[in-house]
N, C-alpha and C. Protein backbone atom coordinates (compact mmCIF):
# COMPACT_ATOMS: atom_id res chain seq x y z
N MET A 1 18.25 -36.24 42.62
CA MET A 1 18.45 -35.31 40.99
C MET A 1 17.63 -34.20 40.85
N VAL A 2 18.24 -33.04 40.77
CA VAL A 2 17.17 -31.76 40.10
C VAL A 2 17.15 -31.93 38.86
N ASN A 3 15.67 -31.88 38.76
CA ASN A 3 15.13 -32.09 37.14
C ASN A 3 14.57 -30.46 36.36
N VAL A 4 14.99 -30.17 35.55
CA VAL A 4 14.85 -29.10 34.95
C VAL A 4 14.06 -28.79 33.52
N ILE A 5 13.26 -27.89 33.64
CA ILE A 5 12.79 -28.06 32.24
C ILE A 5 12.95 -26.48 31.79
N ALA A 6 13.61 -26.26 30.81
CA ALA A 6 13.95 -24.94 30.15
C ALA A 6 13.21 -24.75 28.73
N ILE A 7 12.20 -23.59 28.77
CA ILE A 7 11.46 -23.35 27.53
C ILE A 7 11.84 -21.99 27.11
N ASN A 8 12.58 -22.02 25.85
CA ASN A 8 12.89 -21.06 25.12
C ASN A 8 11.95 -20.51 24.00
N GLY A 9 11.48 -19.35 24.38
CA GLY A 9 10.36 -18.52 23.69
C GLY A 9 10.25 -17.76 22.27
N SER A 10 11.89 -17.87 21.99
CA SER A 10 12.14 -17.08 21.20
C SER A 10 11.94 -17.33 19.69
N PRO A 11 11.45 -16.63 18.74
CA PRO A 11 10.95 -17.08 17.60
C PRO A 11 12.07 -17.27 16.69
N LYS A 12 13.21 -17.16 16.82
CA LYS A 12 14.25 -17.54 16.34
C LYS A 12 15.13 -18.69 16.74
N ALA A 13 14.43 -19.53 17.71
CA ALA A 13 14.52 -20.77 18.57
C ALA A 13 16.44 -20.52 18.87
N GLU A 14 17.16 -21.64 18.41
CA GLU A 14 18.21 -21.90 18.70
C GLU A 14 19.29 -20.55 18.01
N LYS A 15 18.80 -19.99 17.17
CA LYS A 15 19.63 -18.68 16.28
C LYS A 15 19.66 -17.79 17.04
N GLY A 16 18.83 -17.34 17.92
CA GLY A 16 18.66 -16.51 18.71
C GLY A 16 19.49 -15.75 19.64
N ASN A 17 19.74 -14.89 20.15
CA ASN A 17 20.44 -14.28 21.36
C ASN A 17 20.15 -15.13 22.71
N THR A 18 19.15 -15.04 22.81
CA THR A 18 18.25 -15.56 23.93
C THR A 18 19.12 -16.89 24.48
N ASP A 19 19.34 -17.74 23.36
CA ASP A 19 19.54 -19.09 23.14
C ASP A 19 21.47 -18.87 23.57
N LYS A 20 21.73 -18.01 23.03
CA LYS A 20 23.19 -17.87 23.45
C LYS A 20 23.57 -17.52 25.10
N LEU A 21 22.53 -16.58 25.70
CA LEU A 21 22.56 -16.80 27.07
C LEU A 21 21.95 -17.80 28.00
N LEU A 22 21.08 -18.57 27.51
CA LEU A 22 20.47 -19.63 28.29
C LEU A 22 21.43 -21.13 28.15
N ASN A 23 22.11 -21.22 27.08
CA ASN A 23 22.99 -22.34 26.88
C ASN A 23 24.00 -22.41 27.99
N PRO A 24 24.69 -21.62 28.24
CA PRO A 24 25.90 -21.75 29.41
C PRO A 24 25.21 -21.70 30.80
N PHE A 25 24.02 -21.27 31.13
CA PHE A 25 23.21 -21.31 32.38
C PHE A 25 22.84 -22.57 32.58
N LEU A 26 21.97 -23.16 31.20
CA LEU A 26 21.85 -24.68 31.70
C LEU A 26 22.77 -25.73 31.52
N ASP A 27 24.04 -25.43 30.65
CA ASP A 27 25.41 -26.10 31.15
C ASP A 27 25.99 -26.03 32.39
N GLY A 28 26.05 -24.96 32.96
CA GLY A 28 26.16 -24.96 34.70
C GLY A 28 25.34 -26.11 35.64
N MET A 29 23.82 -25.90 35.07
CA MET A 29 23.25 -26.70 35.89
C MET A 29 23.23 -28.08 35.50
N ALA A 30 23.95 -28.48 34.53
CA ALA A 30 23.79 -30.02 34.11
C ALA A 30 25.26 -30.59 34.79
N GLU A 31 26.53 -29.71 34.60
CA GLU A 31 27.82 -29.59 35.46
C GLU A 31 27.43 -30.12 36.71
N ALA A 32 26.58 -29.22 37.35
CA ALA A 32 26.24 -29.44 38.86
C ALA A 32 25.28 -30.64 39.35
N GLY A 33 24.93 -31.77 37.82
CA GLY A 33 24.29 -32.62 38.46
C GLY A 33 22.74 -32.87 38.19
N ALA A 34 22.11 -31.49 37.50
CA ALA A 34 20.65 -31.54 36.95
C ALA A 34 20.65 -32.24 35.67
N SER A 35 19.48 -32.28 35.58
CA SER A 35 18.60 -32.99 34.19
C SER A 35 18.05 -32.26 33.84
N ILE A 36 18.50 -32.20 32.46
CA ILE A 36 17.86 -30.78 31.61
C ILE A 36 16.76 -31.50 30.63
N ASP A 37 15.92 -30.82 30.51
CA ASP A 37 14.99 -30.99 29.65
C ASP A 37 14.49 -29.48 28.97
N LYS A 38 15.42 -29.37 27.45
CA LYS A 38 14.96 -27.81 26.66
C LYS A 38 13.92 -27.91 25.44
N TYR A 39 13.20 -27.14 25.51
CA TYR A 39 12.13 -27.25 24.32
C TYR A 39 12.44 -25.81 23.90
N TYR A 40 12.05 -25.42 22.69
CA TYR A 40 11.96 -24.07 21.79
C TYR A 40 10.80 -24.28 21.29
N VAL A 41 9.61 -23.12 21.84
CA VAL A 41 8.25 -22.95 21.19
C VAL A 41 8.20 -22.92 20.14
N ARG A 42 8.99 -22.28 19.37
CA ARG A 42 8.98 -22.20 17.73
C ARG A 42 8.70 -23.37 17.08
N HIS A 43 9.48 -24.57 17.67
CA HIS A 43 9.25 -26.23 17.06
C HIS A 43 7.95 -26.43 17.46
N LEU A 44 7.39 -26.19 18.32
CA LEU A 44 6.36 -26.71 19.36
C LEU A 44 4.76 -26.19 18.07
N ILE A 45 3.60 -27.19 18.43
CA ILE A 45 2.58 -26.68 18.20
C ILE A 45 1.54 -26.20 19.41
N VAL A 46 1.93 -25.04 20.15
CA VAL A 46 0.90 -24.45 21.12
C VAL A 46 -0.19 -23.43 20.63
N LYS A 47 -1.40 -23.77 20.44
CA LYS A 47 -2.19 -23.37 20.50
C LYS A 47 -2.83 -22.31 21.63
N PRO A 48 -3.46 -21.10 21.21
CA PRO A 48 -3.66 -20.24 22.67
C PRO A 48 -4.81 -20.94 23.40
N CYS A 49 -4.79 -20.12 24.90
CA CYS A 49 -5.55 -20.86 25.49
C CYS A 49 -6.87 -19.99 25.25
N THR A 50 -8.15 -21.12 25.27
CA THR A 50 -9.52 -20.38 24.76
C THR A 50 -10.29 -20.02 25.91
N GLY A 51 -9.83 -20.15 27.29
CA GLY A 51 -10.49 -19.39 28.48
C GLY A 51 -11.52 -20.55 29.21
N GLU A 52 -11.70 -21.54 28.63
CA GLU A 52 -12.79 -22.29 29.17
C GLU A 52 -12.99 -22.66 30.68
N LEU A 53 -11.62 -22.67 31.13
CA LEU A 53 -11.20 -23.32 32.52
C LEU A 53 -11.88 -24.57 32.73
N THR A 54 -11.98 -25.45 31.89
CA THR A 54 -12.18 -26.89 31.97
C THR A 54 -11.07 -27.61 32.98
N CYS A 55 -9.94 -27.03 32.48
CA CYS A 55 -8.63 -27.77 33.52
C CYS A 55 -9.25 -27.51 34.95
N TRP A 56 -9.92 -26.52 34.98
CA TRP A 56 -10.21 -26.04 36.65
C TRP A 56 -11.29 -26.98 36.89
N ASN A 57 -12.39 -26.93 36.18
CA ASN A 57 -13.76 -27.43 36.65
C ASN A 57 -14.35 -28.88 36.28
N GLU A 58 -14.28 -28.84 35.13
CA GLU A 58 -14.84 -30.34 34.79
C GLU A 58 -13.76 -31.57 34.73
N LYS A 59 -12.64 -31.10 34.08
CA LYS A 59 -11.60 -31.85 34.27
C LYS A 59 -10.05 -31.28 35.10
N PRO A 60 -10.16 -31.63 36.07
CA PRO A 60 -9.16 -30.88 37.11
C PRO A 60 -7.92 -31.58 36.50
N GLY A 61 -6.62 -30.37 35.94
CA GLY A 61 -5.42 -30.44 35.54
C GLY A 61 -5.19 -31.29 33.98
N ILE A 62 -6.12 -31.32 33.54
CA ILE A 62 -6.44 -31.61 31.67
C ILE A 62 -6.73 -30.84 30.92
N CYS A 63 -6.05 -30.35 29.96
CA CYS A 63 -6.24 -29.26 29.30
C CYS A 63 -6.97 -29.87 27.84
N HIS A 64 -8.06 -29.33 27.47
CA HIS A 64 -9.18 -30.09 26.52
C HIS A 64 -8.19 -29.81 25.23
N ILE A 65 -7.29 -28.92 24.70
CA ILE A 65 -6.77 -28.60 23.72
C ILE A 65 -5.63 -29.67 23.27
N GLN A 66 -5.97 -30.56 22.29
CA GLN A 66 -4.66 -31.53 21.97
C GLN A 66 -4.17 -30.93 20.87
N ASP A 67 -2.92 -30.52 21.76
CA ASP A 67 -1.32 -30.13 20.89
C ASP A 67 -0.26 -30.77 21.57
N ASP A 68 0.96 -29.98 20.84
CA ASP A 68 1.87 -30.41 21.66
C ASP A 68 1.99 -30.10 23.18
N MET A 69 1.56 -29.34 23.90
CA MET A 69 1.35 -28.95 25.16
C MET A 69 1.45 -30.87 25.87
N GLN A 70 0.28 -31.45 25.40
CA GLN A 70 0.16 -32.38 25.64
C GLN A 70 1.55 -33.41 26.27
N LEU A 71 2.48 -33.28 25.41
CA LEU A 71 3.95 -33.50 25.47
C LEU A 71 4.62 -32.97 26.86
N ILE A 72 4.06 -31.72 27.04
CA ILE A 72 4.80 -30.83 27.65
C ILE A 72 4.59 -31.12 29.40
N TYR A 73 3.17 -30.84 29.14
CA TYR A 73 2.85 -31.13 30.59
C TYR A 73 3.43 -32.23 31.72
N PRO A 74 3.78 -33.67 31.42
CA PRO A 74 4.21 -34.47 32.04
C PRO A 74 5.68 -34.04 32.56
N LYS A 75 6.44 -33.45 31.44
CA LYS A 75 7.60 -32.92 31.83
C LYS A 75 7.57 -31.65 32.76
N LEU A 76 7.00 -30.62 32.87
CA LEU A 76 6.35 -29.64 33.92
C LEU A 76 6.40 -30.32 35.24
N ARG A 77 5.60 -31.17 35.27
CA ARG A 77 5.12 -32.19 36.61
C ARG A 77 6.07 -32.72 37.05
N GLN A 78 7.02 -33.14 36.44
CA GLN A 78 8.33 -33.78 36.75
C GLN A 78 9.56 -32.54 37.18
N ALA A 79 9.57 -31.74 36.76
CA ALA A 79 10.69 -30.70 36.86
C ALA A 79 10.26 -30.06 38.28
N ASN A 80 11.67 -29.64 38.98
CA ASN A 80 11.71 -29.00 39.95
C ASN A 80 12.05 -27.40 40.02
N ILE A 81 12.81 -27.12 38.74
CA ILE A 81 13.20 -25.83 38.51
C ILE A 81 12.57 -25.63 37.05
N LEU A 82 11.62 -24.65 36.96
CA LEU A 82 11.29 -23.98 35.36
C LEU A 82 12.08 -22.80 35.15
N VAL A 83 12.58 -22.99 34.03
CA VAL A 83 13.60 -21.87 33.30
C VAL A 83 12.66 -21.08 31.95
N LEU A 84 12.46 -19.95 32.46
CA LEU A 84 11.44 -19.31 31.10
C LEU A 84 12.68 -18.53 30.13
N ALA A 85 12.75 -18.53 29.30
CA ALA A 85 14.12 -17.89 28.17
C ALA A 85 13.22 -17.17 27.15
N THR A 86 13.08 -15.76 27.23
CA THR A 86 12.73 -14.87 26.12
C THR A 86 13.44 -13.68 25.71
N PRO A 87 13.10 -13.49 24.78
CA PRO A 87 13.75 -11.64 24.22
C PRO A 87 12.23 -10.92 24.55
N VAL A 88 12.78 -9.66 24.53
CA VAL A 88 11.59 -8.44 24.78
C VAL A 88 10.82 -8.42 23.46
N TYR A 89 9.70 -8.79 23.33
CA TYR A 89 8.76 -7.97 22.06
C TYR A 89 7.55 -7.43 22.74
N ILE A 90 7.71 -6.65 23.09
CA ILE A 90 6.52 -5.48 23.40
C ILE A 90 5.39 -6.22 23.83
N PRO A 91 5.20 -7.21 25.12
CA PRO A 91 6.48 -7.45 26.05
C PRO A 91 7.13 -8.62 25.70
N LEU A 92 6.09 -9.80 25.10
CA LEU A 92 6.53 -11.17 24.77
C LEU A 92 6.21 -11.48 23.47
N PRO A 93 7.17 -12.50 22.66
CA PRO A 93 6.90 -13.03 21.61
C PRO A 93 5.66 -13.98 21.92
N VAL A 94 4.52 -13.65 20.41
CA VAL A 94 3.21 -14.34 20.75
C VAL A 94 3.50 -15.87 21.01
N GLU A 95 4.32 -16.43 20.41
CA GLU A 95 4.81 -18.30 21.31
C GLU A 95 4.95 -18.16 22.53
N MET A 96 5.64 -17.06 22.97
CA MET A 96 6.03 -17.39 24.81
C MET A 96 4.81 -17.10 25.47
N GLN A 97 3.83 -16.32 24.96
CA GLN A 97 2.60 -15.46 25.74
C GLN A 97 1.80 -16.98 25.86
N ASN A 98 1.72 -17.37 24.63
CA ASN A 98 0.50 -18.78 24.14
C ASN A 98 1.14 -19.66 25.39
N PHE A 99 2.44 -19.89 25.53
CA PHE A 99 2.52 -20.85 26.40
C PHE A 99 2.52 -20.90 27.81
N ILE A 100 2.91 -19.59 28.31
CA ILE A 100 2.33 -19.33 29.31
C ILE A 100 0.92 -19.55 29.65
N ASN A 101 -0.01 -18.94 28.81
CA ASN A 101 -1.52 -19.01 29.23
C ASN A 101 -1.56 -20.47 29.56
N ARG A 102 -1.18 -21.26 28.74
CA ARG A 102 -1.24 -22.75 28.64
C ARG A 102 -0.65 -23.38 30.07
N LEU A 103 -0.16 -22.55 31.12
CA LEU A 103 0.05 -23.12 32.27
C LEU A 103 -0.97 -23.52 33.30
N VAL A 104 -2.16 -22.67 32.89
CA VAL A 104 -3.17 -22.86 33.66
C VAL A 104 -3.20 -24.14 34.37
N PRO A 105 -3.37 -25.55 33.30
CA PRO A 105 -3.83 -26.75 34.25
C PRO A 105 -2.72 -27.34 35.07
N ILE A 106 -1.74 -26.59 35.18
CA ILE A 106 -0.83 -27.14 36.01
C ILE A 106 -0.85 -26.50 37.56
N MET A 107 -1.71 -25.34 37.45
CA MET A 107 -2.35 -24.74 38.78
C MET A 107 -3.62 -25.10 39.52
N GLU A 108 -3.86 -24.69 40.39
CA GLU A 108 -5.11 -25.37 40.83
C GLU A 108 -5.80 -23.98 41.54
N PRO A 109 -7.21 -24.20 41.23
CA PRO A 109 -8.04 -22.83 41.76
C PRO A 109 -8.16 -23.07 43.37
N ASN A 110 -7.36 -23.21 44.00
CA ASN A 110 -7.45 -23.13 45.57
C ASN A 110 -6.52 -21.75 45.77
N LEU A 111 -7.49 -20.73 45.95
CA LEU A 111 -7.33 -19.68 45.88
C LEU A 111 -7.40 -19.02 47.44
N SER A 112 -5.94 -18.47 47.54
CA SER A 112 -5.78 -17.29 48.71
C SER A 112 -5.43 -15.64 48.32
N TYR A 113 -5.86 -15.04 49.39
CA TYR A 113 -5.41 -13.88 49.01
C TYR A 113 -4.50 -13.38 50.28
N LYS A 114 -3.33 -12.65 49.47
CA LYS A 114 -2.26 -12.24 50.27
C LYS A 114 -1.77 -10.78 49.78
N GLU A 115 -1.71 -10.18 50.43
CA GLU A 115 -0.94 -8.82 50.63
C GLU A 115 -1.56 -7.98 49.47
N GLY A 116 -3.30 -8.05 49.24
CA GLY A 116 -4.01 -7.41 48.46
C GLY A 116 -4.23 -8.08 47.00
N ARG A 117 -3.56 -9.42 46.87
CA ARG A 117 -3.46 -10.15 45.78
C ARG A 117 -4.30 -11.72 45.79
N THR A 118 -5.07 -11.84 44.98
CA THR A 118 -5.62 -13.17 45.16
C THR A 118 -4.68 -14.16 44.14
N ARG A 119 -4.04 -15.41 44.90
CA ARG A 119 -2.90 -15.98 44.31
C ARG A 119 -3.68 -17.71 43.95
N ALA A 120 -2.95 -18.52 43.06
CA ALA A 120 -3.56 -19.72 43.38
C ALA A 120 -2.35 -20.44 44.11
N ARG A 121 -2.17 -21.72 43.22
CA ARG A 121 -0.87 -22.95 43.69
C ARG A 121 -0.60 -23.68 42.48
N LEU A 122 0.49 -24.22 42.49
CA LEU A 122 0.49 -25.54 41.38
C LEU A 122 -0.19 -26.80 42.10
N ARG A 123 -0.63 -27.35 41.37
CA ARG A 123 -1.41 -28.68 41.85
C ARG A 123 -0.43 -29.48 42.38
N SER A 124 -0.61 -30.64 43.44
CA SER A 124 0.13 -30.95 44.25
C SER A 124 1.44 -32.18 43.16
N ASN A 125 0.56 -32.37 42.07
CA ASN A 125 1.31 -33.41 41.33
C ASN A 125 2.46 -32.80 40.71
N VAL A 126 2.39 -31.71 40.86
CA VAL A 126 3.80 -30.56 40.21
C VAL A 126 4.84 -30.61 41.24
N ASN A 127 5.91 -30.49 40.79
CA ASN A 127 7.35 -30.62 41.77
C ASN A 127 7.83 -29.18 41.52
N ILE A 128 7.77 -28.53 40.29
CA ILE A 128 8.51 -27.15 40.30
C ILE A 128 8.39 -26.69 41.36
N ASN A 129 9.66 -26.22 42.20
CA ASN A 129 9.62 -25.22 43.29
C ASN A 129 10.07 -23.87 43.20
N LYS A 130 11.04 -23.66 41.76
CA LYS A 130 11.72 -22.63 41.67
C LYS A 130 11.38 -22.33 40.26
N ILE A 131 10.91 -20.78 40.18
CA ILE A 131 11.12 -20.35 38.60
C ILE A 131 12.32 -19.15 38.01
N VAL A 132 12.75 -19.26 37.17
CA VAL A 132 14.02 -18.26 36.75
C VAL A 132 13.43 -17.92 35.34
N LEU A 133 13.81 -16.77 34.79
CA LEU A 133 14.08 -15.82 33.72
C LEU A 133 15.22 -15.71 33.27
N VAL A 134 15.35 -16.19 31.75
CA VAL A 134 16.68 -15.52 30.92
C VAL A 134 16.20 -14.74 29.74
N SER A 135 16.64 -13.51 30.10
CA SER A 135 15.92 -12.56 28.72
C SER A 135 16.73 -11.71 28.20
N THR A 136 16.56 -11.76 27.03
CA THR A 136 17.74 -10.52 26.25
C THR A 136 17.09 -9.40 25.56
N SER A 137 17.20 -8.54 25.19
CA SER A 137 17.15 -7.33 24.64
C SER A 137 17.77 -6.82 23.87
N GLY A 138 17.33 -5.97 22.65
CA GLY A 138 18.19 -4.94 21.80
C GLY A 138 18.74 -3.52 22.24
N TRP A 139 17.66 -3.21 23.22
CA TRP A 139 17.89 -1.96 23.73
C TRP A 139 18.75 -1.72 24.82
N TRP A 140 19.54 -0.16 24.60
CA TRP A 140 20.41 0.01 25.92
C TRP A 140 20.38 -0.72 27.39
N GLU A 141 19.20 0.02 27.96
CA GLU A 141 18.83 0.08 28.97
C GLU A 141 17.82 -0.97 29.63
N THR A 142 18.67 -1.59 30.56
CA THR A 142 18.26 -2.52 31.25
C THR A 142 16.46 -2.56 31.55
N SER A 143 16.43 -1.71 32.12
CA SER A 143 14.57 -1.50 32.25
C SER A 143 13.80 -1.74 31.02
N ASN A 144 14.51 -1.84 30.11
CA ASN A 144 13.75 -2.42 28.90
C ASN A 144 13.04 -4.26 29.26
N LEU A 145 14.09 -4.74 29.65
CA LEU A 145 13.27 -6.07 30.34
C LEU A 145 12.57 -6.12 31.26
N GLY A 146 11.97 -4.82 31.83
CA GLY A 146 11.25 -5.02 33.18
C GLY A 146 10.19 -5.46 33.02
N THR A 147 9.21 -5.46 31.71
CA THR A 147 7.85 -5.63 31.83
C THR A 147 7.69 -7.51 31.61
N VAL A 148 8.75 -7.76 31.32
CA VAL A 148 8.96 -9.48 31.02
C VAL A 148 9.43 -9.73 32.34
N LEU A 149 9.77 -9.42 33.05
CA LEU A 149 10.65 -9.90 34.49
C LEU A 149 9.40 -9.71 35.53
N ARG A 150 8.57 -8.31 35.32
CA ARG A 150 7.56 -8.65 35.98
C ARG A 150 6.50 -9.69 35.78
N ILE A 151 6.52 -9.66 34.45
CA ILE A 151 5.12 -11.35 34.16
C ILE A 151 5.59 -12.11 34.58
N VAL A 152 7.14 -12.94 34.63
CA VAL A 152 7.51 -13.82 35.25
C VAL A 152 7.38 -13.79 36.45
N GLN A 153 7.94 -12.65 37.42
CA GLN A 153 7.71 -12.64 38.75
C GLN A 153 6.02 -12.94 39.07
N GLU A 154 5.07 -12.13 38.34
CA GLU A 154 3.75 -12.13 38.96
C GLU A 154 3.03 -13.91 38.65
N PHE A 155 3.83 -14.28 37.72
CA PHE A 155 3.53 -15.93 37.18
C PHE A 155 4.03 -16.84 38.46
N ALA A 156 5.36 -16.87 39.12
CA ALA A 156 5.68 -17.12 40.22
C ALA A 156 5.06 -16.74 41.46
N ALA A 157 4.61 -15.90 41.39
CA ALA A 157 3.87 -15.21 42.98
C ALA A 157 2.03 -16.24 42.52
N ASP A 158 1.98 -16.12 41.43
CA ASP A 158 0.26 -16.83 41.11
C ASP A 158 0.18 -17.93 41.33
N ALA A 159 1.41 -18.87 41.03
CA ALA A 159 1.64 -20.23 41.47
C ALA A 159 2.13 -20.63 42.50
N SER A 160 2.52 -19.64 43.48
CA SER A 160 2.54 -19.66 44.89
C SER A 160 4.17 -20.38 44.98
N VAL A 161 5.22 -20.09 43.88
CA VAL A 161 6.33 -20.91 43.46
C VAL A 161 7.50 -19.67 43.62
N GLU A 162 8.80 -20.19 44.62
CA GLU A 162 9.83 -18.91 44.60
C GLU A 162 10.33 -18.59 43.19
N PHE A 163 10.04 -17.22 43.20
CA PHE A 163 11.08 -16.46 42.12
C PHE A 163 12.70 -16.41 42.18
N ALA A 164 13.26 -17.57 41.67
CA ALA A 164 15.00 -17.28 42.01
C ALA A 164 15.60 -16.69 41.44
N GLY A 165 15.29 -15.72 40.15
CA GLY A 165 16.55 -14.58 39.74
C GLY A 165 16.17 -14.74 38.45
N ALA A 166 16.97 -13.92 37.52
CA ALA A 166 16.61 -13.13 36.65
C ALA A 166 18.28 -13.07 35.72
N LEU A 167 18.75 -13.62 34.86
CA LEU A 167 19.73 -13.34 33.88
C LEU A 167 19.21 -12.54 32.67
N LEU A 168 19.47 -10.92 32.81
CA LEU A 168 18.88 -9.92 32.07
C LEU A 168 20.05 -9.69 31.12
N ARG A 169 20.06 -9.72 30.05
CA ARG A 169 21.36 -9.10 28.97
C ARG A 169 20.69 -8.05 28.01
N SER A 170 20.77 -6.75 28.42
CA SER A 170 20.21 -5.66 27.50
C SER A 170 21.38 -5.44 26.45
N HIS A 171 21.14 -4.63 25.40
CA HIS A 171 21.93 -4.50 24.04
C HIS A 171 22.84 -5.60 23.61
N PHE A 172 22.22 -6.87 23.32
CA PHE A 172 22.90 -7.83 23.22
C PHE A 172 24.01 -7.60 21.86
N GLY A 173 23.36 -6.99 20.75
CA GLY A 173 23.61 -6.99 19.74
C GLY A 173 25.49 -6.64 20.11
N GLU A 174 25.75 -6.21 20.93
CA GLU A 174 27.29 -5.45 21.67
C GLU A 174 28.38 -6.32 21.92
N ILE A 175 27.62 -7.97 22.33
CA ILE A 175 28.22 -8.45 22.92
C ILE A 175 29.54 -9.11 22.06
N ALA A 176 29.14 -9.24 20.51
CA ALA A 176 30.29 -9.77 19.98
C ALA A 176 31.01 -8.88 19.59
N LYS A 177 31.44 -7.57 19.79
CA LYS A 177 32.34 -6.32 19.67
C LYS A 177 33.19 -6.25 20.91
N HIS A 178 32.86 -7.20 22.12
CA HIS A 178 33.72 -6.78 23.65
C HIS A 178 33.79 -8.55 24.11
N GLN A 179 34.67 -9.28 23.29
CA GLN A 179 34.79 -10.54 23.72
C GLN A 179 35.33 -10.75 24.85
N ASP A 180 36.00 -9.60 25.64
CA ASP A 180 36.46 -9.70 27.02
C ASP A 180 35.32 -9.61 28.08
N LYS A 181 34.29 -8.84 27.90
CA LYS A 181 33.14 -8.67 28.37
C LYS A 181 32.34 -10.18 28.13
N ALA A 182 32.14 -10.26 27.19
CA ALA A 182 31.30 -11.45 26.27
C ALA A 182 31.63 -12.76 27.05
N LYS A 183 33.17 -12.84 27.53
CA LYS A 183 33.53 -14.34 28.33
C LYS A 183 33.39 -14.14 29.99
N GLN A 184 33.08 -13.00 30.21
CA GLN A 184 32.84 -12.68 31.78
C GLN A 184 31.43 -12.98 31.90
N ILE A 185 30.39 -12.34 30.91
CA ILE A 185 29.23 -12.78 30.85
C ILE A 185 28.46 -14.09 31.14
N TYR A 186 29.35 -15.17 30.14
CA TYR A 186 28.70 -16.67 29.49
C TYR A 186 29.66 -16.92 30.74
N GLU A 187 30.41 -16.98 31.27
CA GLU A 187 31.23 -17.50 32.53
C GLU A 187 30.31 -17.27 33.72
N ALA A 188 29.69 -16.07 33.83
CA ALA A 188 29.09 -15.72 35.07
C ALA A 188 27.52 -16.56 34.74
N ALA A 189 27.26 -16.58 33.68
CA ALA A 189 25.92 -17.32 33.61
C ALA A 189 26.02 -18.75 33.64
N LYS A 190 27.12 -19.31 33.39
CA LYS A 190 27.13 -20.71 33.67
C LYS A 190 27.39 -20.83 35.28
N LYS A 191 28.13 -20.19 36.07
CA LYS A 191 28.51 -20.24 37.20
C LYS A 191 26.81 -20.14 38.24
N ALA A 192 25.86 -19.33 37.51
CA ALA A 192 24.89 -18.99 37.90
C ALA A 192 23.97 -20.37 37.84
N GLY A 193 23.86 -21.15 36.75
CA GLY A 193 23.51 -22.19 37.05
C GLY A 193 23.84 -23.26 37.75
N SER A 194 25.06 -23.12 38.14
CA SER A 194 25.76 -24.11 38.95
C SER A 194 25.39 -24.15 40.28
N GLU A 195 24.95 -22.70 40.82
CA GLU A 195 24.92 -22.03 42.21
C GLU A 195 23.61 -22.19 42.30
N LEU A 196 22.59 -22.16 41.26
CA LEU A 196 21.41 -22.55 41.78
C LEU A 196 21.34 -23.84 42.26
N ILE A 197 21.90 -24.66 41.19
CA ILE A 197 21.65 -26.40 41.67
C ILE A 197 22.56 -26.90 43.07
N VAL A 198 23.45 -26.02 42.96
CA VAL A 198 24.04 -26.60 44.51
C VAL A 198 23.95 -26.25 45.59
N LYS A 199 23.46 -24.43 45.43
CA LYS A 199 22.89 -23.75 46.97
C LYS A 199 21.66 -23.44 46.79
N GLY A 200 20.85 -23.51 45.67
CA GLY A 200 19.66 -23.40 45.66
C GLY A 200 19.26 -21.66 45.62
N SER A 201 20.11 -20.94 44.93
CA SER A 201 20.04 -19.76 44.74
C SER A 201 21.06 -19.17 44.00
N ILE A 202 21.00 -17.94 43.50
CA ILE A 202 22.04 -17.15 42.58
C ILE A 202 22.80 -16.10 43.21
N ASP A 203 23.81 -15.80 42.98
CA ASP A 203 24.59 -14.68 43.89
C ASP A 203 24.08 -13.48 42.89
N LYS A 204 23.98 -12.63 43.73
CA LYS A 204 23.33 -11.31 43.07
C LYS A 204 24.63 -10.75 42.39
N LEU A 205 25.86 -10.73 42.50
CA LEU A 205 27.06 -10.20 41.71
C LEU A 205 26.95 -10.96 40.54
N LEU A 206 26.72 -12.32 40.63
CA LEU A 206 27.10 -12.84 38.93
C LEU A 206 25.72 -12.10 38.02
N LEU A 207 24.61 -12.01 38.77
CA LEU A 207 23.72 -11.31 38.19
C LEU A 207 23.92 -9.89 37.26
N ASP A 208 24.68 -9.38 38.03
CA ASP A 208 25.07 -8.08 38.03
C ASP A 208 26.11 -7.97 36.92
N VAL A 209 26.90 -8.99 36.69
CA VAL A 209 27.96 -9.03 35.66
C VAL A 209 27.05 -9.35 34.49
N ILE A 210 26.24 -10.10 34.70
CA ILE A 210 25.67 -10.55 32.97
C ILE A 210 24.64 -9.36 32.75
N SER A 211 24.30 -8.30 33.56
CA SER A 211 23.83 -7.32 33.16
C SER A 211 24.71 -6.16 32.82
N GLN A 212 25.64 -6.29 33.19
CA GLN A 212 27.04 -5.22 32.96
C GLN A 212 26.98 -4.73 31.51
N PRO A 213 26.81 -3.10 31.69
CA PRO A 213 26.82 -2.08 30.01
C PRO A 213 28.00 -2.65 29.21
N LEU A 214 27.78 -2.84 28.34
CA LEU A 214 28.81 -2.97 27.21
C LEU A 214 29.45 -1.65 26.72
N ILE A 215 28.33 -0.58 26.45
CA ILE A 215 28.85 0.85 26.21
C ILE A 215 27.96 1.96 26.89
N THR A 216 28.57 2.93 27.27
CA THR A 216 28.25 4.21 28.07
C THR A 216 26.54 4.54 27.30
N GLU A 217 25.63 4.95 28.14
CA GLU A 217 24.64 5.29 27.99
C GLU A 217 24.71 6.71 26.34
N GLU A 218 25.64 7.11 26.96
CA GLU A 218 26.17 8.59 26.12
C GLU A 218 26.65 7.89 24.73
N GLU A 219 27.11 6.81 24.71
CA GLU A 219 27.39 6.23 23.62
C GLU A 219 25.90 5.74 22.71
N TRP A 220 25.63 4.88 23.17
CA TRP A 220 24.17 4.76 22.99
C TRP A 220 22.95 5.56 22.22
N ILE A 221 23.09 6.53 23.07
CA ILE A 221 22.56 7.98 22.66
C ILE A 221 22.66 8.72 21.33
N GLU A 222 24.25 8.53 20.96
CA GLU A 222 24.89 9.46 19.85
C GLU A 222 24.56 8.27 18.92
N ARG A 223 24.51 6.91 19.17
CA ARG A 223 24.16 6.17 17.84
C ARG A 223 22.64 6.51 17.38
N LEU A 224 21.78 6.82 18.14
CA LEU A 224 20.44 7.03 17.78
C LEU A 224 20.24 8.11 17.13
N LYS A 225 21.10 8.88 17.11
CA LYS A 225 21.00 10.62 16.15
C LYS A 225 20.89 10.53 14.76
């Protein structure tokens, strides 16, 4: 069985737009036979990383900060797929940034230099082999999600783990006004989850359906006047 851990970093938690896109994606994975653990960072106590790197040097793999991350680390080690879900908050909500920073203990300082970049890797007792991003934004352009996308891609590269794709949905506030397209988007998200479990990858055409424009650029510009 494939174990999935999904982390929703939206400050609005289950009431936010990010969860509306994340849920069908996870439903598709569950229907394909995956085991799902889902957490809202908003409902956890996750303190900022203090940067001592005792988890690398003095006590490898053990974070000295005692908070709810101590409950999450075992789930991260057991998971095969890590799903990071977040809205765009110039660029990340503070809760999500804290969470990502606190992933250092599951990485080991066995460094390598690849294509001009220094990279680490996950510890041998961590089973994560794929990382996926689910992200939403209120602005029209998909490029508004670009910084968040690069952050998660960089984390995957730093951990030497496959980045398996991104479900990106801009101008999410329009989705309720376009029910036909909304249905396509949610169905594509569910199928993407199923494909990831069954095939190990997500068809780019599905990702394009999820990211499709709901209004034209000209309509958006007109609304800003």
